[in-house]
Amino acid sequence: MTVKAGQAFLEPSNVKMTGFNRSSTEPLRLVIFYLSDPGTPFLESVQ
């Protein structure tokens, strides 16, 4: 899937991110929002 400027996409929980920048000339700019139930601890494993 190619996501263009102004578009959004949903990445399911517990799925390893596989995205990459297909452009060889333009930098990738990305904003990520994490949503969870109130009081749920946030943990993202470091590799």
PDB file of N, CA and C in Angstrom:
ATOM      1  N   MET A   1       0.853  -1.166   0.000  1.00  0.00           N
ATOM      2  CA  MET A   1       0.000   0.000   0.000  1.00  0.00           C
ATOM      3  C   MET A   1       0.900   1.230   0.000  1.00  0.00           C
ATOM      4  N   THR A   2       0.564   2.205  -0.788  1.00  0.00           N
ATOM      5  CA  THR A   2       1.277   3.481  -0.784  1.00  0.00           C
ATOM      6  C   THR A   2       0.372   4.520  -0.143  1.00  0.00           C
ATOM      7  N   VAL A   3       0.867   5.201   0.886  1.00  0.00           N
ATOM      8  CA  VAL A   3       0.105   6.234   1.589  1.00  0.00           C
ATOM      9  C   VAL A   3       0.673   7.584   1.154  1.00  0.00           C
ATOM     10  N   LYS A   4      -0.178   8.432   0.635  1.00  0.00           N
ATOM     11  CA  LYS A   4       0.245   9.737   0.132  1.00  0.00           C
ATOM     12  C   LYS A   4      -0.009  10.822   1.167  1.00  0.00           C
ATOM     13  N   ALA A   5       0.559  11.990   0.957  1.00  0.00           N
ATOM     14  CA  ALA A   5       0.390  13.121   1.867  1.00  0.00           C
ATOM     15  C   ALA A   5      -1.086  13.375   2.127  1.00  0.00           C
ATOM     16  N   GLY A   6      -1.442  13.524   3.404  1.00  0.00           N
ATOM     17  CA  GLY A   6      -2.819  13.794   3.790  1.00  0.00           C
ATOM     18  C   GLY A   6      -3.643  12.542   4.034  1.00  0.00           C
ATOM     19  N   GLN A   7      -3.127  11.377   3.674  1.00  0.00           N
ATOM     20  CA  GLN A   7      -3.848  10.131   3.904  1.00  0.00           C
ATOM     21  C   GLN A   7      -3.447   9.538   5.248  1.00  0.00           C
ATOM     22  N   ALA A   8      -4.233   8.594   5.715  1.00  0.00           N
ATOM     23  CA  ALA A   8      -3.956   7.909   6.980  1.00  0.00           C
ATOM     24  C   ALA A   8      -4.143   6.414   6.772  1.00  0.00           C
ATOM     25  N   PHE A   9      -3.573   5.641   7.674  1.00  0.00           N
ATOM     26  CA  PHE A   9      -3.792   4.204   7.651  1.00  0.00           C
ATOM     27  C   PHE A   9      -3.751   3.678   9.073  1.00  0.00           C
ATOM     28  N   LEU A  10      -4.332   2.519   9.282  1.00  0.00           N
ATOM     29  CA  LEU A  10      -4.390   1.888  10.591  1.00  0.00           C
ATOM     30  C   LEU A  10      -3.508   0.655  10.562  1.00  0.00           C
ATOM     31  N   GLU A  11      -2.604   0.587  11.519  1.00  0.00           N
ATOM     32  CA  GLU A  11      -1.756  -0.591  11.649  1.00  0.00           C
ATOM     33  C   GLU A  11      -2.265  -1.388  12.846  1.00  0.00           C
ATOM     34  N   PRO A  12      -2.676  -2.633  12.648  1.00  0.00           N
ATOM     35  CA  PRO A  12      -3.262  -3.416  13.739  1.00  0.00           C
ATOM     36  C   PRO A  12      -2.295  -3.627  14.903  1.00  0.00           C
ATOM     37  N   SER A  13      -2.843  -3.834  16.091  1.00  0.00           N
ATOM     38  CA  SER A  13      -2.040  -4.130  17.276  1.00  0.00           C
ATOM     39  C   SER A  13      -1.319  -5.451  17.107  1.00  0.00           C
ATOM     40  N   ASN A  14      -0.169  -5.566  17.760  1.00  0.00           N
ATOM     41  CA  ASN A  14       0.617  -6.810  17.793  1.00  0.00           C
ATOM     42  C   ASN A  14       1.055  -7.296  16.419  1.00  0.00           C
ATOM     43  N   VAL A  15       1.213  -6.366  15.473  1.00  0.00           N
ATOM     44  CA  VAL A  15       1.712  -6.715  14.149  1.00  0.00           C
ATOM     45  C   VAL A  15       3.003  -5.933  13.935  1.00  0.00           C
ATOM     46  N   LYS A  16       4.067  -6.624  13.548  1.00  0.00           N
ATOM     47  CA  LYS A  16       5.351  -5.980  13.342  1.00  0.00           C
ATOM     48  C   LYS A  16       5.260  -4.992  12.182  1.00  0.00           C
ATOM     49  N   MET A  17       5.786  -3.786  12.380  1.00  0.00           N
ATOM     50  CA  MET A  17       5.756  -2.770  11.337  1.00  0.00           C
ATOM     51  C   MET A  17       6.654  -3.195  10.182  1.00  0.00           C
ATOM     52  N   THR A  18       6.153  -3.056   8.973  1.00  0.00           N
ATOM     53  CA  THR A  18       6.922  -3.455   7.797  1.00  0.00           C
ATOM     54  C   THR A  18       7.041  -2.324   6.786  1.00  0.00           C
ATOM     55  N   GLY A  19       6.713  -1.096   7.181  1.00  0.00           N
ATOM     56  CA  GLY A  19       6.723   0.024   6.254  1.00  0.00           C
ATOM     57  C   GLY A  19       8.121   0.521   5.944  1.00  0.00           C
ATOM     58  N   PHE A  20       8.251   1.189   4.808  1.00  0.00           N
ATOM     59  CA  PHE A  20       9.517   1.804   4.430  1.00  0.00           C
ATOM     60  C   PHE A  20       9.255   2.923   3.439  1.00  0.00           C
ATOM     61  N   ASN A  21      10.232   3.794   3.280  1.00  0.00           N
ATOM     62  CA  ASN A  21      10.134   4.926   2.369  1.00  0.00           C
ATOM     63  C   ASN A  21      10.531   4.463   0.969  1.00  0.00           C
ATOM     64  N   ARG A  22       9.614   4.526   0.028  1.00  0.00           N
ATOM     65  CA  ARG A  22       9.893   4.087  -1.343  1.00  0.00           C
ATOM     66  C   ARG A  22      10.609   5.154  -2.169  1.00  0.00           C
ATOM     67  N   SER A  23      10.672   6.385  -1.666  1.00  0.00           N
ATOM     68  CA  SER A  23      11.304   7.461  -2.414  1.00  0.00           C
ATOM     69  C   SER A  23      12.810   7.486  -2.171  1.00  0.00           C
ATOM     70  N   SER A  24      13.567   7.698  -3.213  1.00  0.00           N
ATOM     71  CA  SER A  24      15.018   7.833  -3.065  1.00  0.00           C
ATOM     72  C   SER A  24      15.435   9.291  -2.951  1.00  0.00           C
ATOM     73  N   THR A  25      14.455  10.214  -3.076  1.00  0.00           N
ATOM     74  CA  THR A  25      14.788  11.641  -3.030  1.00  0.00           C
ATOM     75  C   THR A  25      14.059  12.405  -1.926  1.00  0.00           C
ATOM     76  N   GLU A  26      12.894  11.948  -1.502  1.00  0.00           N
ATOM     77  CA  GLU A  26      12.099  12.658  -0.498  1.00  0.00           C
ATOM     78  C   GLU A  26      12.189  11.971   0.855  1.00  0.00           C
ATOM     79  N   PRO A  27      12.422  12.738   1.925  1.00  0.00           N
ATOM     80  CA  PRO A  27      12.452  12.119   3.258  1.00  0.00           C
ATOM     81  C   PRO A  27      11.045  11.705   3.697  1.00  0.00           C
ATOM     82  N   LEU A  28      10.986  10.732   4.560  1.00  0.00           N
ATOM     83  CA  LEU A  28       9.716  10.269   5.113  1.00  0.00           C
ATOM     84  C   LEU A  28       9.396  11.087   6.358  1.00  0.00           C
ATOM     85  N   ARG A  29       8.194  11.602   6.436  1.00  0.00           N
ATOM     86  CA  ARG A  29       7.711  12.286   7.643  1.00  0.00           C
ATOM     87  C   ARG A  29       6.453  11.566   8.080  1.00  0.00           C
ATOM     88  N   LEU A  30       6.440  11.155   9.348  1.00  0.00           N
ATOM     89  CA  LEU A  30       5.376  10.294   9.838  1.00  0.00           C
ATOM     90  C   LEU A  30       5.002  10.704  11.250  1.00  0.00           C
ATOM     91  N   VAL A  31       3.710  10.754  11.526  1.00  0.00           N
ATOM     92  CA  VAL A  31       3.216  11.012  12.880  1.00  0.00           C
ATOM     93  C   VAL A  31       2.471   9.767  13.323  1.00  0.00           C
ATOM     94  N   ILE A  32       2.816   9.258  14.507  1.00  0.00           N
ATOM     95  CA  ILE A  32       2.203   8.036  15.015  1.00  0.00           C
ATOM     96  C   ILE A  32       1.411   8.354  16.273  1.00  0.00           C
ATOM     97  N   PHE A  33       0.175   7.869  16.330  1.00  0.00           N
ATOM     98  CA  PHE A  33      -0.671   8.000  17.507  1.00  0.00           C
ATOM     99  C   PHE A  33      -0.933   6.612  18.064  1.00  0.00           C
ATOM    100  N   TYR A  34      -0.731   6.440  19.367  1.00  0.00           N
ATOM    101  CA  TYR A  34      -1.051   5.184  20.032  1.00  0.00           C
ATOM    102  C   TYR A  34      -2.340   5.389  20.815  1.00  0.00           C
ATOM    103  N   LEU A  35      -3.289   4.494  20.666  1.00  0.00           N
ATOM    104  CA  LEU A  35      -4.553   4.567  21.379  1.00  0.00           C
ATOM    105  C   LEU A  35      -4.698   3.355  22.274  1.00  0.00           C
ATOM    106  N   SER A  36      -5.178   3.584  23.511  1.00  0.00           N
ATOM    107  CA  SER A  36      -5.417   2.470  24.428  1.00  0.00           C
ATOM    108  C   SER A  36      -6.448   2.888  25.465  1.00  0.00           C
ATOM    109  N   ASP A  37      -6.887   1.926  26.235  1.00  0.00           N
ATOM    110  CA  ASP A  37      -7.815   2.214  27.317  1.00  0.00           C
ATOM    111  C   ASP A  37      -7.102   3.016  28.400  1.00  0.00           C
ATOM    112  N   PRO A  38      -7.810   3.931  29.072  1.00  0.00           N
ATOM    113  CA  PRO A  38      -7.190   4.701  30.158  1.00  0.00           C
ATOM    114  C   PRO A  38      -6.589   3.773  31.220  1.00  0.00           C
ATOM    115  N   GLY A  39      -5.400   4.131  31.706  1.00  0.00           N
ATOM    116  CA  GLY A  39      -4.747   3.359  32.744  1.00  0.00           C
ATOM    117  C   GLY A  39      -3.954   2.164  32.236  1.00  0.00           C
ATOM    118  N   THR A  40      -4.011   1.889  30.937  1.00  0.00           N
ATOM    119  CA  THR A  40      -3.255   0.774  30.382  1.00  0.00           C
ATOM    120  C   THR A  40      -1.793   1.176  30.248  1.00  0.00           C
ATOM    121  N   PRO A  41      -0.864   0.387  30.818  1.00  0.00           N
ATOM    122  CA  PRO A  41       0.550   0.737  30.672  1.00  0.00           C
ATOM    123  C   PRO A  41       1.005   0.635  29.225  1.00  0.00           C
ATOM    124  N   PHE A  42       1.862   1.534  28.825  1.00  0.00           N
ATOM    125  CA  PHE A  42       2.381   1.542  27.455  1.00  0.00           C
ATOM    126  C   PHE A  42       3.722   0.831  27.458  1.00  0.00           C
ATOM    127  N   LEU A  43       3.867  -0.160  26.577  1.00  0.00           N
ATOM    128  CA  LEU A  43       5.131  -0.870  26.468  1.00  0.00           C
ATOM    129  C   LEU A  43       5.354  -1.230  25.022  1.00  0.00           C
ATOM    130  N   GLU A  44       6.467  -0.778  24.489  1.00  0.00           N
ATOM    131  CA  GLU A  44       6.873  -1.156  23.142  1.00  0.00           C
ATOM    132  C   GLU A  44       8.244  -1.780  23.259  1.00  0.00           C
ATOM    133  N   SER A  45       8.390  -3.021  22.835  1.00  0.00           N
ATOM    134  CA  SER A  45       9.661  -3.722  23.001  1.00  0.00           C
ATOM    135  C   SER A  45      10.754  -3.082  22.149  1.00  0.00           C
ATOM    136  N   VAL A  46      11.961  -3.096  22.687  1.00  0.00           N
ATOM    137  CA  VAL A  46      13.125  -2.552  21.990  1.00  0.00           C
ATOM    138  C   VAL A  46      13.908  -3.720  21.415  1.00  0.00           C
ATOM    139  N   GLN A  47      14.301  -3.603  20.172  1.00  0.00           N
ATOM    140  CA  GLN A  47      15.053  -4.695  19.548  1.00  0.00           C
ATOM    141  C   GLN A  47      16.454  -4.264  19.226  1.00  0.00           C
TER     142      GLN A  47
END
